[in-house]
Amino acid sequence: MPTIKSFEELTVWKDARKFANKIYNLTKKFPKEENYGLTSQITRATVSIGSNIAEGFDRYSKKDFIKFLIIARAQYLKSRMTYILL
C-alpha cells in the first residue's frame, strides 16, 4: 500500500478544493451588497475546509488529524447551511 506523502494526494482534500472552486464561482453571481455578508461567510467557511484537512495532515498524531477533520466537517456543514439560505 503506497504511503501518502502530501495532503494534496488525499481525495477528501481534492474534493474540498473542487467544492471551494464551485462556491467561488457561485458567489461571483451574488449581489455586491452581499460581499460582506453571506458571500464572505460562505467563502471563508469553504476555504477553511481544505485548510483544516491540510493542517491536520501535517500533525504528529492520528488523534490530532481526526480533530482537524472534525473541524473541516463542521465548516462544510456551515457552508452547506449558508448555501441553503440562498
PDB file of N, CA and C in Angstrom:
ATOM      1  N   MET A   1       0.839  -1.181   0.000  1.00  0.00           N
ATOM      2  CA  MET A   1       0.000   0.000   0.000  1.00  0.00           C
ATOM      3  C   MET A   1       0.891   1.254   0.000  1.00  0.00           C
ATOM      4  N   PRO A   2       0.672   2.151  -0.963  1.00  0.00           N
ATOM      5  CA  PRO A   2       1.519   3.354  -1.033  1.00  0.00           C
ATOM      6  C   PRO A   2       1.258   4.309   0.144  1.00  0.00           C
ATOM      7  N   THR A   3       2.296   4.994   0.545  1.00  0.00           N
ATOM      8  CA  THR A   3       2.188   5.966   1.625  1.00  0.00           C
ATOM      9  C   THR A   3       1.862   7.335   1.047  1.00  0.00           C
ATOM     10  N   ILE A   4       0.922   7.999   1.647  1.00  0.00           N
ATOM     11  CA  ILE A   4       0.567   9.354   1.215  1.00  0.00           C
ATOM     12  C   ILE A   4       1.568  10.316   1.822  1.00  0.00           C
ATOM     13  N   LYS A   5       2.206  11.110   0.985  1.00  0.00           N
ATOM     14  CA  LYS A   5       3.268  11.998   1.446  1.00  0.00           C
ATOM     15  C   LYS A   5       2.831  13.448   1.577  1.00  0.00           C
ATOM     16  N   SER A   6       1.694  13.774   0.973  1.00  0.00           N
ATOM     17  CA  SER A   6       1.226  15.160   0.987  1.00  0.00           C
ATOM     18  C   SER A   6      -0.298  15.182   1.101  1.00  0.00           C
ATOM     19  N   PHE A   7      -0.801  16.205   1.761  1.00  0.00           N
ATOM     20  CA  PHE A   7      -2.260  16.360   1.856  1.00  0.00           C
ATOM     21  C   PHE A   7      -2.885  16.491   0.479  1.00  0.00           C
ATOM     22  N   GLU A   8      -2.123  16.973  -0.489  1.00  0.00           N
ATOM     23  CA  GLU A   8      -2.641  17.156  -1.844  1.00  0.00           C
ATOM     24  C   GLU A   8      -2.986  15.836  -2.530  1.00  0.00           C
ATOM     25  N   GLU A   9      -2.520  14.733  -1.971  1.00  0.00           N
ATOM     26  CA  GLU A   9      -2.833  13.410  -2.504  1.00  0.00           C
ATOM     27  C   GLU A   9      -4.141  12.855  -1.930  1.00  0.00           C
ATOM     28  N   LEU A  10      -4.661  13.472  -0.892  1.00  0.00           N
ATOM     29  CA  LEU A  10      -5.882  13.000  -0.240  1.00  0.00           C
ATOM     30  C   LEU A  10      -7.109  13.322  -1.092  1.00  0.00           C
ATOM     31  N   THR A  11      -7.941  12.329  -1.329  1.00  0.00           N
ATOM     32  CA  THR A  11      -9.160  12.527  -2.110  1.00  0.00           C
ATOM     33  C   THR A  11     -10.068  13.556  -1.440  1.00  0.00           C
ATOM     34  N   VAL A  12     -10.149  13.513  -0.129  1.00  0.00           N
ATOM     35  CA  VAL A  12     -11.015  14.446   0.590  1.00  0.00           C
ATOM     36  C   VAL A  12     -10.543  15.891   0.406  1.00  0.00           C
ATOM     37  N   TRP A  13      -9.235  16.106   0.356  1.00  0.00           N
ATOM     38  CA  TRP A  13      -8.718  17.460   0.126  1.00  0.00           C
ATOM     39  C   TRP A  13      -9.027  17.907  -1.310  1.00  0.00           C
ATOM     40  N   LYS A  14      -8.867  16.983  -2.268  1.00  0.00           N
ATOM     41  CA  LYS A  14      -9.185  17.304  -3.665  1.00  0.00           C
ATOM     42  C   LYS A  14     -10.662  17.676  -3.805  1.00  0.00           C
ATOM     43  N   ASP A  15     -11.524  16.932  -3.116  1.00  0.00           N
ATOM     44  CA  ASP A  15     -12.957  17.242  -3.144  1.00  0.00           C
ATOM     45  C   ASP A  15     -13.244  18.600  -2.511  1.00  0.00           C
ATOM     46  N   ALA A  16     -12.551  18.910  -1.423  1.00  0.00           N
ATOM     47  CA  ALA A  16     -12.729  20.205  -0.762  1.00  0.00           C
ATOM     48  C   ALA A  16     -12.305  21.337  -1.694  1.00  0.00           C
ATOM     49  N   ARG A  17     -11.246  21.121  -2.433  1.00  0.00           N
ATOM     50  CA  ARG A  17     -10.773  22.136  -3.385  1.00  0.00           C
ATOM     51  C   ARG A  17     -11.800  22.363  -4.497  1.00  0.00           C
ATOM     52  N   LYS A  18     -12.361  21.280  -5.021  1.00  0.00           N
ATOM     53  CA  LYS A  18     -13.396  21.406  -6.059  1.00  0.00           C
ATOM     54  C   LYS A  18     -14.621  22.142  -5.516  1.00  0.00           C
ATOM     55  N   PHE A  19     -15.001  21.797  -4.296  1.00  0.00           N
ATOM     56  CA  PHE A  19     -16.143  22.448  -3.655  1.00  0.00           C
ATOM     57  C   PHE A  19     -15.890  23.949  -3.498  1.00  0.00           C
ATOM     58  N   ALA A  20     -14.682  24.302  -3.056  1.00  0.00           N
ATOM     59  CA  ALA A  20     -14.334  25.716  -2.886  1.00  0.00           C
ATOM     60  C   ALA A  20     -14.399  26.456  -4.229  1.00  0.00           C
ATOM     61  N   ASN A  21     -13.904  25.836  -5.280  1.00  0.00           N
ATOM     62  CA  ASN A  21     -13.968  26.461  -6.607  1.00  0.00           C
ATOM     63  C   ASN A  21     -15.407  26.683  -7.051  1.00  0.00           C
ATOM     64  N   LYS A  22     -16.268  25.699  -6.793  1.00  0.00           N
ATOM     65  CA  LYS A  22     -17.685  25.841  -7.149  1.00  0.00           C
ATOM     66  C   LYS A  22     -18.336  26.987  -6.374  1.00  0.00           C
ATOM     67  N   ILE A  23     -18.032  27.063  -5.093  1.00  0.00           N
ATOM     68  CA  ILE A  23     -18.610  28.126  -4.266  1.00  0.00           C
ATOM     69  C   ILE A  23     -18.112  29.492  -4.731  1.00  0.00           C
ATOM     70  N   TYR A  24     -16.817  29.612  -5.018  1.00  0.00           N
ATOM     71  CA  TYR A  24     -16.291  30.891  -5.508  1.00  0.00           C
ATOM     72  C   TYR A  24     -16.983  31.301  -6.805  1.00  0.00           C
ATOM     73  N   ASN A  25     -17.163  30.362  -7.719  1.00  0.00           N
ATOM     74  CA  ASN A  25     -17.862  30.680  -8.972  1.00  0.00           C
ATOM     75  C   ASN A  25     -19.310  31.078  -8.716  1.00  0.00           C
ATOM     76  N   LEU A  26     -19.956  30.408  -7.785  1.00  0.00           N
ATOM     77  CA  LEU A  26     -21.335  30.738  -7.433  1.00  0.00           C
ATOM     78  C   LEU A  26     -21.436  32.136  -6.824  1.00  0.00           C
ATOM     79  N   THR A  27     -20.525  32.462  -5.918  1.00  0.00           N
ATOM     80  CA  THR A  27     -20.618  33.754  -5.222  1.00  0.00           C
ATOM     81  C   THR A  27     -20.278  34.943  -6.118  1.00  0.00           C
ATOM     82  N   LYS A  28     -19.631  34.690  -7.236  1.00  0.00           N
ATOM     83  CA  LYS A  28     -19.376  35.780  -8.189  1.00  0.00           C
ATOM     84  C   LYS A  28     -20.689  36.370  -8.712  1.00  0.00           C
ATOM     85  N   LYS A  29     -21.742  35.575  -8.668  1.00  0.00           N
ATOM     86  CA  LYS A  29     -23.052  35.996  -9.183  1.00  0.00           C
ATOM     87  C   LYS A  29     -23.898  36.693  -8.119  1.00  0.00           C
ATOM     88  N   PHE A  30     -23.420  36.703  -6.887  1.00  0.00           N
ATOM     89  CA  PHE A  30     -24.179  37.334  -5.804  1.00  0.00           C
ATOM     90  C   PHE A  30     -24.193  38.849  -5.972  1.00  0.00           C
ATOM     91  N   PRO A  31     -25.217  39.504  -5.443  1.00  0.00           N
ATOM     92  CA  PRO A  31     -25.250  40.963  -5.474  1.00  0.00           C
ATOM     93  C   PRO A  31     -24.073  41.547  -4.683  1.00  0.00           C
ATOM     94  N   LYS A  32     -23.580  42.687  -5.126  1.00  0.00           N
ATOM     95  CA  LYS A  32     -22.428  43.329  -4.476  1.00  0.00           C
ATOM     96  C   LYS A  32     -22.686  43.638  -3.005  1.00  0.00           C
ATOM     97  N   GLU A  33     -23.932  43.913  -2.652  1.00  0.00           N
ATOM     98  CA  GLU A  33     -24.225  44.235  -1.250  1.00  0.00           C
ATOM     99  C   GLU A  33     -24.029  43.029  -0.321  1.00  0.00           C
ATOM    100  N   GLU A  34     -23.883  41.844  -0.895  1.00  0.00           N
ATOM    101  CA  GLU A  34     -23.638  40.645  -0.087  1.00  0.00           C
ATOM    102  C   GLU A  34     -22.151  40.361   0.126  1.00  0.00           C
ATOM    103  N   ASN A  35     -21.266  41.188  -0.443  1.00  0.00           N
ATOM    104  CA  ASN A  35     -19.830  40.940  -0.325  1.00  0.00           C
ATOM    105  C   ASN A  35     -19.362  40.776   1.113  1.00  0.00           C
ATOM    106  N   TYR A  36     -19.947  41.506   2.033  1.00  0.00           N
ATOM    107  CA  TYR A  36     -19.512  41.439   3.424  1.00  0.00           C
ATOM    108  C   TYR A  36     -20.500  40.657   4.292  1.00  0.00           C
ATOM    109  N   GLY A  37     -21.431  40.006   3.670  1.00  0.00           N
ATOM    110  CA  GLY A  37     -22.432  39.213   4.385  1.00  0.00           C
ATOM    111  C   GLY A  37     -22.274  37.745   4.049  1.00  0.00           C
ATOM    112  N   LEU A  38     -23.253  37.219   3.341  1.00  0.00           N
ATOM    113  CA  LEU A  38     -23.253  35.788   3.018  1.00  0.00           C
ATOM    114  C   LEU A  38     -22.060  35.376   2.160  1.00  0.00           C
ATOM    115  N   THR A  39     -21.659  36.225   1.223  1.00  0.00           N
ATOM    116  CA  THR A  39     -20.521  35.890   0.360  1.00  0.00           C
ATOM    117  C   THR A  39     -19.270  35.653   1.187  1.00  0.00           C
ATOM    118  N   SER A  40     -18.992  36.570   2.069  1.00  0.00           N
ATOM    119  CA  SER A  40     -17.807  36.450   2.921  1.00  0.00           C
ATOM    120  C   SER A  40     -17.895  35.224   3.814  1.00  0.00           C
ATOM    121  N   GLN A  41     -19.048  35.010   4.404  1.00  0.00           N
ATOM    122  CA  GLN A  41     -19.218  33.894   5.329  1.00  0.00           C
ATOM    123  C   GLN A  41     -19.036  32.547   4.632  1.00  0.00           C
ATOM    124  N   ILE A  42     -19.672  32.379   3.491  1.00  0.00           N
ATOM    125  CA  ILE A  42     -19.609  31.081   2.814  1.00  0.00           C
ATOM    126  C   ILE A  42     -18.229  30.827   2.213  1.00  0.00           C
ATOM    127  N   THR A  43     -17.565  31.847   1.686  1.00  0.00           N
ATOM    128  CA  THR A  43     -16.242  31.625   1.108  1.00  0.00           C
ATOM    129  C   THR A  43     -15.205  31.333   2.192  1.00  0.00           C
ATOM    130  N   ARG A  44     -15.274  32.035   3.316  1.00  0.00           N
ATOM    131  CA  ARG A  44     -14.323  31.767   4.404  1.00  0.00           C
ATOM    132  C   ARG A  44     -14.511  30.354   4.951  1.00  0.00           C
ATOM    133  N   ALA A  45     -15.750  29.950   5.144  1.00  0.00           N
ATOM    134  CA  ALA A  45     -16.012  28.606   5.661  1.00  0.00           C
ATOM    135  C   ALA A  45     -15.554  27.539   4.674  1.00  0.00           C
ATOM    136  N   THR A  46     -15.770  27.786   3.395  1.00  0.00           N
ATOM    137  CA  THR A  46     -15.404  26.820   2.365  1.00  0.00           C
ATOM    138  C   THR A  46     -13.891  26.658   2.257  1.00  0.00           C
ATOM    139  N   VAL A  47     -13.162  27.761   2.289  1.00  0.00           N
ATOM    140  CA  VAL A  47     -11.700  27.693   2.239  1.00  0.00           C
ATOM    141  C   VAL A  47     -11.164  26.983   3.479  1.00  0.00           C
ATOM    142  N   SER A  48     -11.826  27.172   4.592  1.00  0.00           N
ATOM    143  CA  SER A  48     -11.412  26.557   5.849  1.00  0.00           C
ATOM    144  C   SER A  48     -11.468  25.028   5.803  1.00  0.00           C
ATOM    145  N   ILE A  49     -12.335  24.478   4.980  1.00  0.00           N
ATOM    146  CA  ILE A  49     -12.448  23.019   4.886  1.00  0.00           C
ATOM    147  C   ILE A  49     -11.104  22.417   4.447  1.00  0.00           C
ATOM    148  N   GLY A  50     -10.620  22.837   3.299  1.00  0.00           N
ATOM    149  CA  GLY A  50      -9.346  22.328   2.787  1.00  0.00           C
ATOM    150  C   GLY A  50      -8.166  22.698   3.665  1.00  0.00           C
ATOM    151  N   SER A  51      -8.222  23.891   4.246  1.00  0.00           N
ATOM    152  CA  SER A  51      -7.138  24.332   5.122  1.00  0.00           C
ATOM    153  C   SER A  51      -7.014  23.444   6.353  1.00  0.00           C
ATOM    154  N   ASN A  52      -8.134  23.078   6.933  1.00  0.00           N
ATOM    155  CA  ASN A  52      -8.102  22.210   8.113  1.00  0.00           C
ATOM    156  C   ASN A  52      -7.636  20.797   7.764  1.00  0.00           C
ATOM    157  N   ILE A  53      -8.010  20.314   6.613  1.00  0.00           N
ATOM    158  CA  ILE A  53      -7.537  18.995   6.179  1.00  0.00           C
ATOM    159  C   ILE A  53      -6.016  19.032   6.013  1.00  0.00           C
ATOM    160  N   ALA A  54      -5.523  20.069   5.369  1.00  0.00           N
ATOM    161  CA  ALA A  54      -4.076  20.199   5.157  1.00  0.00           C
ATOM    162  C   ALA A  54      -3.330  20.343   6.479  1.00  0.00           C
ATOM    163  N   GLU A  55      -3.822  21.194   7.347  1.00  0.00           N
ATOM    164  CA  GLU A  55      -3.154  21.401   8.634  1.00  0.00           C
ATOM    165  C   GLU A  55      -3.166  20.130   9.478  1.00  0.00           C
ATOM    166  N   GLY A  56      -4.284  19.441   9.503  1.00  0.00           N
ATOM    167  CA  GLY A  56      -4.384  18.208  10.271  1.00  0.00           C
ATOM    168  C   GLY A  56      -3.472  17.115   9.746  1.00  0.00           C
ATOM    169  N   PHE A  57      -3.311  17.058   8.438  1.00  0.00           N
ATOM    170  CA  PHE A  57      -2.452  16.041   7.832  1.00  0.00           C
ATOM    171  C   PHE A  57      -1.019  16.163   8.332  1.00  0.00           C
ATOM    172  N   ASP A  58      -0.590  17.383   8.580  1.00  0.00           N
ATOM    173  CA  ASP A  58       0.793  17.631   8.984  1.00  0.00           C
ATOM    174  C   ASP A  58       1.015  17.521  10.497  1.00  0.00           C
ATOM    175  N   ARG A  59       0.001  17.140  11.231  1.00  0.00           N
ATOM    176  CA  ARG A  59       0.137  16.968  12.682  1.00  0.00           C
ATOM    177  C   ARG A  59       0.835  15.650  12.983  1.00  0.00           C
ATOM    178  N   TYR A  60       1.287  15.527  14.201  1.00  0.00           N
ATOM    179  CA  TYR A  60       2.111  14.385  14.574  1.00  0.00           C
ATOM    180  C   TYR A  60       1.339  13.144  15.003  1.00  0.00           C
ATOM    181  N   SER A  61       0.064  13.297  15.275  1.00  0.00           N
ATOM    182  CA  SER A  61      -0.681  12.122  15.723  1.00  0.00           C
ATOM    183  C   SER A  61      -1.982  11.968  14.939  1.00  0.00           C
ATOM    184  N   LYS A  62      -2.449  10.751  14.900  1.00  0.00           N
ATOM    185  CA  LYS A  62      -3.711  10.459  14.238  1.00  0.00           C
ATOM    186  C   LYS A  62      -4.859  11.184  14.945  1.00  0.00           C
ATOM    187  N   LYS A  63      -4.761  11.267  16.272  1.00  0.00           N
ATOM    188  CA  LYS A  63      -5.788  11.944  17.070  1.00  0.00           C
ATOM    189  C   LYS A  63      -5.907  13.417  16.662  1.00  0.00           C
ATOM    190  N   ASP A  64      -4.778  14.093  16.474  1.00  0.00           N
ATOM    191  CA  ASP A  64      -4.801  15.497  16.039  1.00  0.00           C
ATOM    192  C   ASP A  64      -5.406  15.618  14.640  1.00  0.00           C
ATOM    193  N   PHE A  65      -5.027  14.707  13.740  1.00  0.00           N
ATOM    194  CA  PHE A  65      -5.559  14.735  12.380  1.00  0.00           C
ATOM    195  C   PHE A  65      -7.077  14.589  12.407  1.00  0.00           C
ATOM    196  N   ILE A  66      -7.572  13.674  13.199  1.00  0.00           N
ATOM    197  CA  ILE A  66      -9.017  13.465  13.315  1.00  0.00           C
ATOM    198  C   ILE A  66      -9.708  14.724  13.836  1.00  0.00           C
ATOM    199  N   LYS A  67      -9.075  15.389  14.798  1.00  0.00           N
ATOM    200  CA  LYS A  67      -9.643  16.628  15.338  1.00  0.00           C
ATOM    201  C   LYS A  67      -9.819  17.676  14.224  1.00  0.00           C
ATOM    202  N   PHE A  68      -8.815  17.799  13.357  1.00  0.00           N
ATOM    203  CA  PHE A  68      -8.912  18.760  12.265  1.00  0.00           C
ATOM    204  C   PHE A  68      -9.923  18.333  11.212  1.00  0.00           C
ATOM    205  N   LEU A  69     -10.076  17.022  11.015  1.00  0.00           N
ATOM    206  CA  LEU A  69     -11.112  16.539  10.090  1.00  0.00           C
ATOM    207  C   LEU A  69     -12.504  16.860  10.615  1.00  0.00           C
ATOM    208  N   ILE A  70     -12.673  16.778  11.920  1.00  0.00           N
ATOM    209  CA  ILE A  70     -13.964  17.125  12.527  1.00  0.00           C
ATOM    210  C   ILE A  70     -14.249  18.618  12.331  1.00  0.00           C
ATOM    211  N   ILE A  71     -13.227  19.437  12.475  1.00  0.00           N
ATOM    212  CA  ILE A  71     -13.392  20.881  12.252  1.00  0.00           C
ATOM    213  C   ILE A  71     -13.737  21.139  10.783  1.00  0.00           C
ATOM    214  N   ALA A  72     -13.058  20.432   9.876  1.00  0.00           N
ATOM    215  CA  ALA A  72     -13.340  20.589   8.441  1.00  0.00           C
ATOM    216  C   ALA A  72     -14.783  20.206   8.131  1.00  0.00           C
ATOM    217  N   ARG A  73     -15.252  19.151   8.757  1.00  0.00           N
ATOM    218  CA  ARG A  73     -16.647  18.729   8.554  1.00  0.00           C
ATOM    219  C   ARG A  73     -17.618  19.795   9.044  1.00  0.00           C
ATOM    220  N   ALA A  74     -17.310  20.394  10.185  1.00  0.00           N
ATOM    221  CA  ALA A  74     -18.164  21.458  10.717  1.00  0.00           C
ATOM    222  C   ALA A  74     -18.198  22.647   9.760  1.00  0.00           C
ATOM    223  N   GLN A  75     -17.071  22.982   9.161  1.00  0.00           N
ATOM    224  CA  GLN A  75     -17.035  24.086   8.199  1.00  0.00           C
ATOM    225  C   GLN A  75     -17.829  23.739   6.940  1.00  0.00           C
ATOM    226  N   TYR A  76     -17.779  22.472   6.537  1.00  0.00           N
ATOM    227  CA  TYR A  76     -18.586  22.037   5.395  1.00  0.00           C
ATOM    228  C   TYR A  76     -20.073  22.224   5.699  1.00  0.00           C
ATOM    229  N   LEU A  77     -20.483  21.808   6.888  1.00  0.00           N
ATOM    230  CA  LEU A  77     -21.891  21.952   7.269  1.00  0.00           C
ATOM    231  C   LEU A  77     -22.302  23.414   7.346  1.00  0.00           C
ATOM    232  N   LYS A  78     -21.405  24.266   7.818  1.00  0.00           N
ATOM    233  CA  LYS A  78     -21.678  25.702   7.866  1.00  0.00           C
ATOM    234  C   LYS A  78     -21.840  26.248   6.441  1.00  0.00           C
ATOM    235  N   SER A  79     -20.968  25.836   5.548  1.00  0.00           N
ATOM    236  CA  SER A  79     -21.071  26.269   4.143  1.00  0.00           C
ATOM    237  C   SER A  79     -22.370  25.796   3.519  1.00  0.00           C
ATOM    238  N   ARG A  80     -22.701  24.559   3.788  1.00  0.00           N
ATOM    239  CA  ARG A  80     -23.923  23.977   3.236  1.00  0.00           C
ATOM    240  C   ARG A  80     -25.157  24.717   3.747  1.00  0.00           C
ATOM    241  N   MET A  81     -25.175  25.021   5.034  1.00  0.00           N
ATOM    242  CA  MET A  81     -26.309  25.743   5.625  1.00  0.00           C
ATOM    243  C   MET A  81     -26.431  27.135   4.999  1.00  0.00           C
ATOM    244  N   THR A  82     -25.320  27.806   4.835  1.00  0.00           N
ATOM    245  CA  THR A  82     -25.343  29.136   4.209  1.00  0.00           C
ATOM    246  C   THR A  82     -25.862  29.035   2.784  1.00  0.00           C
ATOM    247  N   TYR A  83     -25.436  28.007   2.062  1.00  0.00           N
ATOM    248  CA  TYR A  83     -25.903  27.793   0.683  1.00  0.00           C
ATOM    249  C   TYR A  83     -27.411  27.562   0.652  1.00  0.00           C
ATOM    250  N   ILE A  84     -27.915  26.796   1.606  1.00  0.00           N
ATOM    251  CA  ILE A  84     -29.351  26.522   1.671  1.00  0.00           C
ATOM    252  C   ILE A  84     -30.141  27.815   1.889  1.00  0.00           C
ATOM    253  N   LEU A  85     -29.588  28.737   2.649  1.00  0.00           N
ATOM    254  CA  LEU A  85     -30.260  30.018   2.900  1.00  0.00           C
ATOM    255  C   LEU A  85     -30.405  30.858   1.644  1.00  0.00           C
ATOM    256  N   LEU A  86     -29.588  30.572   0.656  1.00  0.00           N
ATOM    257  CA  LEU A  86     -29.636  31.349  -0.575  1.00  0.00           C
ATOM    258  C   LEU A  86     -30.817  30.904  -1.377  1.00  0.00           C
TER     259      LEU A  86
END
